[in-house]
C-alpha atoms as a PDB file:
ATOM      1  CA  MET A   1      63.160 -32.177   4.513  1.00  0.00           C
ATOM      2  CA  ALA A   2      63.936 -30.598   7.881  1.00  0.00           C
ATOM      3  CA  SER A   3      63.404 -33.542  10.229  1.00  0.00           C
ATOM      4  CA  GLN A   4      61.923 -36.972  10.779  1.00  0.00           C
ATOM      5  CA  LYS A   5      59.739 -37.758  13.775  1.00  0.00           C
ATOM      6  CA  LYS A   6      58.940 -41.308  14.767  1.00  0.00           C
ATOM      7  CA  LEU A   7      55.301 -41.448  15.880  1.00  0.00           C
ATOM      8  CA  VAL A   8      52.989 -44.042  17.352  1.00  0.00           C
ATOM      9  CA  CYS A   9      49.989 -43.532  15.063  1.00  0.00           C
ATOM     10  CA  LEU A  10      46.924 -42.886  17.227  1.00  0.00           C
ATOM     11  CA  ALA A  11      44.533 -41.576  14.568  1.00  0.00           C
ATOM     12  CA  ASN A  12      44.044 -41.798  10.819  1.00  0.00           C
ATOM     13  CA  SER A  13      40.526 -40.485  10.442  1.00  0.00           C
ATOM     14  CA  ARG A  14      38.541 -38.740   7.752  1.00  0.00           C
ATOM     15  CA  LYS A  15      38.687 -34.980   7.299  1.00  0.00           C
ATOM     16  CA  LEU A  16      36.913 -33.346   4.363  1.00  0.00           C
ATOM     17  CA  SER A  17      38.355 -34.990   1.221  1.00  0.00           C
ATOM     18  CA  GLY A  18      41.516 -36.134   2.994  1.00  0.00           C
ATOM     19  CA  ARG A  19      42.818 -37.532   6.264  1.00  0.00           C
ATOM     20  CA  CYS A  20      43.625 -36.322   9.753  1.00  0.00           C
ATOM     21  CA  VAL A  21      46.625 -38.247  11.076  1.00  0.00           C
ATOM     22  CA  ALA A  22      48.047 -37.811  14.567  1.00  0.00           C
ATOM     23  CA  GLY A  23      50.359 -39.633  16.918  1.00  0.00           C
ATOM     24  CA  MET A  24      52.657 -39.397  19.895  1.00  0.00           C
ATOM     25  CA  VAL A  25      56.414 -39.227  19.483  1.00  0.00           C
ATOM     26  CA  ASP A  26      57.867 -42.662  20.264  1.00  0.00           C
ATOM     27  CA  ASP A  27      60.255 -41.461  22.958  1.00  0.00           C
ATOM     28  CA  GLY A  28      58.172 -41.394  26.122  1.00  0.00           C
ATOM     29  CA  SER A  29      57.854 -37.598  26.097  1.00  0.00           C
ATOM     30  CA  GLY A  30      54.087 -37.564  25.535  1.00  0.00           C
ATOM     31  CA  GLU A  31      54.520 -35.070  22.677  1.00  0.00           C
ATOM     32  CA  TRP A  32      51.695 -35.131  20.136  1.00  0.00           C
ATOM     33  CA  VAL A  33      52.254 -34.422  16.447  1.00  0.00           C
ATOM     34  CA  ARG A  34      49.542 -33.843  13.853  1.00  0.00           C
ATOM     35  CA  PRO A  35      51.067 -33.692  10.336  1.00  0.00           C
ATOM     36  CA  VAL A  36      49.221 -31.121   8.230  1.00  0.00           C
ATOM     37  CA  SER A  37      49.354 -29.907   4.647  1.00  0.00           C
ATOM     38  CA  ALA A  38      49.778 -26.374   3.318  1.00  0.00           C
ATOM     39  CA  ARG A  39      46.162 -26.340   2.090  1.00  0.00           C
ATOM     40  CA  SER A  40      43.702 -23.968   3.738  1.00  0.00           C
ATOM     41  CA  ASN A  41      41.937 -26.687   5.734  1.00  0.00           C
ATOM     42  CA  ARG A  42      45.211 -28.476   6.556  1.00  0.00           C
ATOM     43  CA  GLU A  43      43.907 -31.974   5.731  1.00  0.00           C
ATOM     44  CA  VAL A  44      46.461 -34.520   4.496  1.00  0.00           C
ATOM     45  CA  SER A  45      45.749 -36.356   1.248  1.00  0.00           C
ATOM     46  CA  VAL A  46      45.916 -40.141   1.044  1.00  0.00           C
ATOM     47  CA  LEU A  47      48.919 -39.879  -1.288  1.00  0.00           C
ATOM     48  CA  GLU A  48      50.775 -37.601   1.113  1.00  0.00           C
ATOM     49  CA  SER A  49      50.409 -40.065   3.985  1.00  0.00           C
ATOM     50  CA  GLN A  50      51.305 -43.342   2.296  1.00  0.00           C
ATOM     51  CA  TYR A  51      54.167 -45.739   2.684  1.00  0.00           C
ATOM     52  CA  GLU A  52      56.361 -46.524  -0.322  1.00  0.00           C
ATOM     53  CA  ASP A  53      54.217 -49.600  -1.078  1.00  0.00           C
ATOM     54  CA  ARG A  54      51.141 -47.307  -1.347  1.00  0.00           C
ATOM     55  CA  THR A  55      49.513 -48.606   1.844  1.00  0.00           C
ATOM     56  CA  SER A  56      48.345 -46.201   4.530  1.00  0.00           C
ATOM     57  CA  PRO A  57      49.315 -46.064   8.207  1.00  0.00           C
ATOM     58  CA  SER A  58      47.117 -47.956  10.624  1.00  0.00           C
ATOM     59  CA  VAL A  59      46.487 -47.010  14.219  1.00  0.00           C
ATOM     60  CA  LEU A  60      49.318 -48.429  16.406  1.00  0.00           C
ATOM     61  CA  ASP A  61      51.857 -48.402  13.558  1.00  0.00           C
ATOM     62  CA  VAL A  62      55.173 -46.791  14.472  1.00  0.00           C
ATOM     63  CA  VAL A  63      55.733 -44.346  11.621  1.00  0.00           C
ATOM     64  CA  SER A  64      58.679 -42.183  10.602  1.00  0.00           C
ATOM     65  CA  VAL A  65      57.141 -38.996   9.193  1.00  0.00           C
ATOM     66  CA  PRO A  66      59.040 -36.335   7.167  1.00  0.00           C
ATOM     67  CA  LEU A  67      58.273 -32.891   8.544  1.00  0.00           C
ATOM     68  CA  LEU A  68      59.326 -29.363   7.675  1.00  0.00           C
ATOM     69  CA  ARG A  69      58.504 -27.226  10.707  1.00  0.00           C
ATOM     70  CA  PRO A  70      55.966 -26.668  13.495  1.00  0.00           C
ATOM     71  CA  GLN A  71      52.829 -24.957  12.259  1.00  0.00           C
ATOM     72  CA  PRO A  72      50.479 -24.479  15.229  1.00  0.00           C
ATOM     73  CA  HIS A  73      47.008 -23.174  14.443  1.00  0.00           C
ATOM     74  CA  VAL A  74      45.120 -21.547  17.334  1.00  0.00           C
ATOM     75  CA  PHE A  75      44.470 -24.387  19.852  1.00  0.00           C
ATOM     76  CA  GLN A  76      45.861 -27.048  17.487  1.00  0.00           C
ATOM     77  CA  SER A  77      49.341 -26.605  18.904  1.00  0.00           C
ATOM     78  CA  GLU A  78      50.409 -30.086  17.762  1.00  0.00           C
ATOM     79  CA  ASN A  79      50.382 -29.267  14.023  1.00  0.00           C
ATOM     80  CA  TRP A  80      53.561 -29.805  11.960  1.00  0.00           C
ATOM     81  CA  LEU A  81      53.821 -29.059   8.240  1.00  0.00           C
ATOM     82  CA  LEU A  82      54.645 -32.292   6.426  1.00  0.00           C
ATOM     83  CA  ASP A  83      57.120 -32.657   3.598  1.00  0.00           C
ATOM     84  CA  PRO A  84      55.026 -34.126   0.743  1.00  0.00           C
ATOM     85  CA  LYS A  85      58.079 -35.062  -1.352  1.00  0.00           C
ATOM     86  CA  TYR A  86      58.893 -38.090   0.806  1.00  0.00           C
ATOM     87  CA  HIS A  87      57.082 -41.313   1.687  1.00  0.00           C
ATOM     88  CA  TRP A  88      56.295 -42.195   5.267  1.00  0.00           C
ATOM     89  CA  GLU A  89      58.042 -45.283   6.674  1.00  0.00           C
ATOM     90  CA  LYS A  90      56.609 -47.934   8.980  1.00  0.00           C
ATOM     91  CA  THR A  91      59.210 -49.068  11.530  1.00  0.00           C
ATOM     92  CA  GLY A  92      57.134 -51.211  13.881  1.00  0.00           C
ATOM     93  CA  LYS A  93      53.828 -51.752  15.637  1.00  0.00           C
ATOM     94  CA  VAL A  94      52.839 -51.386  19.287  1.00  0.00           C
ATOM     95  CA  GLY A  95      50.242 -53.104  21.450  1.00  0.00           C
ATOM     96  CA  TRP A  96      48.135 -52.530  24.526  1.00  0.00           C
ATOM     97  CA  SER A  97      51.091 -52.364  26.903  1.00  0.00           C
ATOM     98  CA  ALA A  98      52.492 -49.388  24.975  1.00  0.00           C
ATOM     99  CA  LEU A  99      49.120 -47.634  25.133  1.00  0.00           C
ATOM    100  CA  LEU A 100      49.132 -47.968  28.907  1.00  0.00           C
ATOM    101  CA  ARG A 101      52.442 -46.078  28.961  1.00  0.00           C
ATOM    102  CA  LEU A 102      51.041 -43.393  26.650  1.00  0.00           C
ATOM    103  CA  GLU A 103      47.724 -43.008  28.478  1.00  0.00           C
ATOM    104  CA  GLN A 104      46.788 -39.481  29.483  1.00  0.00           C
ATOM    105  CA  ARG A 105      44.623 -38.671  32.478  1.00  0.00           C
ATOM    106  CA  PRO A 106      43.372 -35.104  32.014  1.00  0.00           C
ATOM    107  CA  SER A 107      41.068 -33.827  34.741  1.00  0.00           C
ATOM    108  CA  THR A 108      38.497 -33.055  32.045  1.00  0.00           C
ATOM    109  CA  LEU A 109      38.150 -33.177  28.277  1.00  0.00           C
ATOM    110  CA  TRP A 110      38.890 -29.477  27.868  1.00  0.00           C
ATOM    111  CA  ILE A 111      35.696 -27.512  28.609  1.00  0.00           C
ATOM    112  CA  ASN A 112      32.305 -29.096  29.262  1.00  0.00           C
ATOM    113  CA  GLY A 113      28.836 -27.608  29.326  1.00  0.00           C
ATOM    114  CA  SER A 114      27.912 -27.113  25.668  1.00  0.00           C
ATOM    115  CA  SER A 115      26.053 -29.804  23.733  1.00  0.00           C
ATOM    116  CA  THR A 116      24.410 -30.321  20.356  1.00  0.00           C
ATOM    117  CA  ARG A 117      20.889 -31.695  20.060  1.00  0.00           C
ATOM    118  CA  HIS A 118      22.076 -35.309  19.830  1.00  0.00           C
ATOM    119  CA  GLY A 119      25.384 -35.009  21.655  1.00  0.00           C
ATOM    120  CA  SER A 120      26.589 -34.362  25.180  1.00  0.00           C
ATOM    121  CA  ASN A 121      29.526 -32.122  26.102  1.00  0.00           C
ATOM    122  CA  ASP A 122      30.514 -32.400  22.442  1.00  0.00           C
ATOM    123  CA  ARG A 123      31.371 -28.808  21.576  1.00  0.00           C
ATOM    124  CA  ILE A 124      33.105 -25.711  22.932  1.00  0.00           C
ATOM    125  CA  PRO A 125      32.263 -22.100  22.025  1.00  0.00           C
ATOM    126  CA  ALA A 126      34.990 -20.843  19.697  1.00  0.00           C
ATOM    127  CA  GLU A 127      35.747 -17.835  21.874  1.00  0.00           C
ATOM    128  CA  GLU A 128      36.588 -20.187  24.770  1.00  0.00           C
ATOM    129  CA  ALA A 129      38.475 -22.722  22.657  1.00  0.00           C
ATOM    130  CA  VAL A 130      41.024 -20.205  21.370  1.00  0.00           C
ATOM    131  CA  ALA A 131      42.699 -20.148  24.797  1.00  0.00           C
ATOM    132  CA  LEU A 132      43.143 -23.933  24.999  1.00  0.00           C
ATOM    133  CA  PRO A 133      46.744 -25.219  24.943  1.00  0.00           C
ATOM    134  CA  ASP A 134      46.165 -28.412  22.942  1.00  0.00           C
ATOM    135  CA  SER A 135      43.679 -30.383  20.868  1.00  0.00           C
ATOM    136  CA  LEU A 136      44.489 -34.097  21.298  1.00  0.00           C
ATOM    137  CA  LYS A 137      43.996 -36.541  24.180  1.00  0.00           C
ATOM    138  CA  LEU A 138      44.476 -40.293  24.554  1.00  0.00           C
ATOM    139  CA  ILE A 139      42.135 -41.573  27.269  1.00  0.00           C
ATOM    140  CA  ARG A 140      41.061 -45.014  28.484  1.00  0.00           C
ATOM    141  CA  VAL A 141      37.364 -45.701  29.083  1.00  0.00           C
ATOM    142  CA  THR A 142      35.166 -48.564  30.205  1.00  0.00           C
ATOM    143  CA  GLY A 143      31.474 -48.906  29.482  1.00  0.00           C
ATOM    144  CA  LEU A 144      31.855 -47.508  25.955  1.00  0.00           C
ATOM    145  CA  LYS A 145      28.765 -47.690  23.763  1.00  0.00           C
ATOM    146  CA  LEU A 146      28.536 -46.833  20.072  1.00  0.00           C
ATOM    147  CA  GLN A 147      25.331 -45.362  18.690  1.00  0.00           C
ATOM    148  CA  VAL A 148      24.176 -45.636  15.097  1.00  0.00           C
ATOM    149  CA  HIS A 149      21.641 -42.887  14.538  1.00  0.00           C
ATOM    150  CA  VAL A 150      19.866 -41.255  11.603  1.00  0.00           C
ATOM    151  CA  PRO A 151      19.077 -37.634  12.548  1.00  0.00           C
ATOM    152  CA  TRP A 152      15.974 -36.295  10.852  1.00  0.00           C
ATOM    153  CA  ALA A 153      17.958 -33.441   9.298  1.00  0.00           C
ATOM    154  CA  MET A 154      20.536 -35.729   7.699  1.00  0.00           C
ATOM    155  CA  SER A 155      18.336 -36.965   4.828  1.00  0.00           C
ATOM    156  CA  GLY A 156      18.648 -40.586   5.895  1.00  0.00           C
ATOM    157  CA  GLU A 157      22.434 -40.565   6.308  1.00  0.00           C
ATOM    158  CA  PRO A 158      23.409 -42.358   9.528  1.00  0.00           C
ATOM    159  CA  VAL A 159      26.068 -41.068  11.905  1.00  0.00           C
ATOM    160  CA  LEU A 160      28.154 -42.876  14.514  1.00  0.00           C
ATOM    161  CA  ARG A 161      28.610 -41.550  18.029  1.00  0.00           C
ATOM    162  CA  ALA A 162      30.649 -42.733  20.999  1.00  0.00           C
ATOM    163  CA  CYS A 163      28.886 -42.632  24.373  1.00  0.00           C
ATOM    164  CA  PHE A 164      31.028 -42.784  27.515  1.00  0.00           C
ATOM    165  CA  SER A 165      31.625 -41.244  30.901  1.00  0.00           C
ATOM    166  CA  TYR A 166      34.877 -39.465  31.681  1.00  0.00           C
ATOM    167  CA  ALA A 167      35.792 -37.639  34.897  1.00  0.00           C
ATOM    168  CA  GLY A 168      32.169 -37.713  35.998  1.00  0.00           C
ATOM    169  CA  HIS A 169      30.749 -36.232  32.790  1.00  0.00           C
ATOM    170  CA  LEU A 170      28.714 -37.949  30.083  1.00  0.00           C
ATOM    171  CA  HIS A 171      30.141 -37.509  26.601  1.00  0.00           C
ATOM    172  CA  ILE A 172      28.350 -38.316  23.348  1.00  0.00           C
ATOM    173  CA  LEU A 173      30.759 -37.462  20.525  1.00  0.00           C
ATOM    174  CA  ARG A 174      30.828 -37.968  16.767  1.00  0.00           C
ATOM    175  CA  VAL A 175      33.182 -40.709  15.586  1.00  0.00           C
ATOM    176  CA  THR A 176      35.456 -40.024  12.589  1.00  0.00           C
ATOM    177  CA  ASP A 177      37.415 -43.290  12.789  1.00  0.00           C
ATOM    178  CA  SER A 178      36.892 -44.622   9.249  1.00  0.00           C
ATOM    179  CA  GLU A 179      37.186 -48.310  10.156  1.00  0.00           C
ATOM    180  CA  TYR A 180      34.545 -48.058  12.851  1.00  0.00           C
ATOM    181  CA  GLU A 181      32.269 -45.994  10.632  1.00  0.00           C
ATOM    182  CA  SER A 182      32.519 -48.634   7.892  1.00  0.00           C
ATOM    183  CA  GLU A 183      31.740 -51.430  10.340  1.00  0.00           C
ATOM    184  CA  TYR A 184      28.966 -49.842  12.387  1.00  0.00           C
ATOM    185  CA  LEU A 185      27.142 -47.686   9.868  1.00  0.00           C
ATOM    186  CA  ALA A 186      26.219 -50.897   8.066  1.00  0.00           C
ATOM    187  CA  LYS A 187      24.292 -51.971  11.184  1.00  0.00           C
ATOM    188  CA  PRO A 188      20.727 -51.048  12.168  1.00  0.00           C
ATOM    189  CA  GLU A 189      20.077 -47.990  14.310  1.00  0.00           C
ATOM    190  CA  GLY A 190      20.723 -48.579  17.980  1.00  0.00           C
ATOM    191  CA  PHE A 191      23.359 -48.845  20.698  1.00  0.00           C
ATOM    192  CA  TYR A 192      26.217 -51.349  20.659  1.00  0.00           C
ATOM    193  CA  ARG A 193      28.300 -52.164  23.705  1.00  0.00           C
ATOM    194  CA  VAL A 194      32.083 -52.091  23.321  1.00  0.00           C
ATOM    195  CA  GLY A 195      34.584 -53.249  25.926  1.00  0.00           C
ATOM    196  CA  GLU A 196      37.467 -51.361  27.511  1.00  0.00           C
ATOM    197  CA  SER A 197      39.019 -49.071  24.941  1.00  0.00           C
ATOM    198  CA  PHE A 198      41.424 -46.243  24.353  1.00  0.00           C
ATOM    199  CA  LEU A 199      39.979 -43.221  22.558  1.00  0.00           C
ATOM    200  CA  THR A 200      41.867 -40.544  20.690  1.00  0.00           C
ATOM    201  CA  VAL A 201      39.767 -37.425  21.200  1.00  0.00           C
ATOM    202  CA  SER A 202      40.489 -34.468  18.941  1.00  0.00           C
ATOM    203  CA  LEU A 203      39.244 -30.917  18.623  1.00  0.00           C
ATOM    204  CA  GLY A 204      38.242 -30.120  15.061  1.00  0.00           C
ATOM    205  CA  GLU A 205      38.322 -26.830  13.184  1.00  0.00           C
ATOM    206  CA  VAL A 206      35.999 -23.983  14.182  1.00  0.00           C
ATOM    207  CA  PHE A 207      32.567 -24.524  12.608  1.00  0.00           C
ATOM    208  CA  GLU A 208      29.645 -22.116  12.959  1.00  0.00           C
ATOM    209  CA  GLY A 209      30.958 -20.613  16.169  1.00  0.00           C
ATOM    210  CA  HIS A 210      31.944 -23.833  17.909  1.00  0.00           C
ATOM    211  CA  VAL A 211      34.787 -26.320  18.104  1.00  0.00           C
ATOM    212  CA  TYR A 212      33.656 -29.943  18.164  1.00  0.00           C
ATOM    213  CA  LYS A 213      35.141 -32.817  20.163  1.00  0.00           C
ATOM    214  CA  LEU A 214      35.591 -35.840  17.884  1.00  0.00           C
ATOM    215  CA  VAL A 215      36.572 -39.439  18.533  1.00  0.00           C
ATOM    216  CA  ALA A 216      39.280 -39.857  15.900  1.00  0.00           C
ATOM    217  CA  ALA A 217      40.235 -43.421  16.885  1.00  0.00           C
ATOM    218  CA  ILE A 218      38.814 -46.296  18.906  1.00  0.00           C
ATOM    219  CA  ILE A 219      41.265 -48.953  20.104  1.00  0.00           C
ATOM    220  CA  GLU A 220      39.516 -51.900  21.751  1.00  0.00           C
ATOM    221  CA  ARG A 221      41.469 -53.971  24.245  1.00  0.00           C
ATOM    222  CA  ALA A 222      39.833 -57.170  22.975  1.00  0.00           C
ATOM    223  CA  LYS A 223      41.171 -56.513  19.449  1.00  0.00           C
ATOM    224  CA  THR A 224      44.663 -55.309  20.412  1.00  0.00           C
ATOM    225  CA  PRO A 225      47.721 -57.530  20.976  1.00  0.00           C
ATOM    226  CA  THR A 226      49.462 -57.049  24.326  1.00  0.00           C
ATOM    227  CA  GLY A 227      53.015 -56.379  23.189  1.00  0.00           C
ATOM    228  CA  SER A 228      54.937 -54.627  20.440  1.00  0.00           C
ATOM    229  CA  ARG A 229      56.009 -56.036  17.081  1.00  0.00           C
ATOM    230  CA  ARG A 230      59.141 -54.419  15.683  1.00  0.00           C
END
C-alpha cells in the first residue's frame, strides 16, 4: 500500500457490475479522487470498497482509502488505483456546512450543446471531451426536479433523470445514484420536485462517440444534518 487518502465520499453509484466511488480529499484543497480498479472498465467491486464490517461507504462518510498510485485516464484525471488488499475505514461523517465549504462554482458544466433525445446538454462529443482537465463537479442547485420515464426503446425499463438549470443552461441528466434510483423508480412516471440539493456530476466513459454527464449523487438539504459527526 503506497498511501492513504482521507476522502469525503461524494458518490457511490452504480457502474456496470460494480461501483463508481468518488470524493474530495478532506483537507480543504478541493482535490477529487476516484478510486479505480485494474480491470478494463475501472469499476470498483462491492468487496473492494467495503469497511471491515462489510458495510459500504455512504455519501458524506469520511473515508480513509488505501491507494497505490495516480492512474488518470483521458479526462478522468482524478483516478487513483486502489489497493484491494486492504479494507476502507470510516473516520467520520460530514453535514451540510461541510458541503458549503466544498461547493464548486464552475462557469459551466464542461461543454454544452449536445443532447440525447430525452436529455438536455447531457453529452459531449468524445473528440471534444479528450481535452477536458477533469470529470467531477460538486454543484448546488435549486428547483431540482426528478423525472421517472420509460423510453419506448427501453422495453418497459424506467430511467431516472435530474432536471435543473445551471449557469443559464437547462440540464436533463441520467441519475446513477443507487439510493435515488431505488426510491424513485418504484414511483409512477412523472416529475417530482426536490428541494435545494448538492449534485455530484460525473463524466462517464466514452460510449458510441460521446461522453455522458451523469448525476452520481443527490444530497438534499432537507435530508442532511447541518454539522459534522466525528
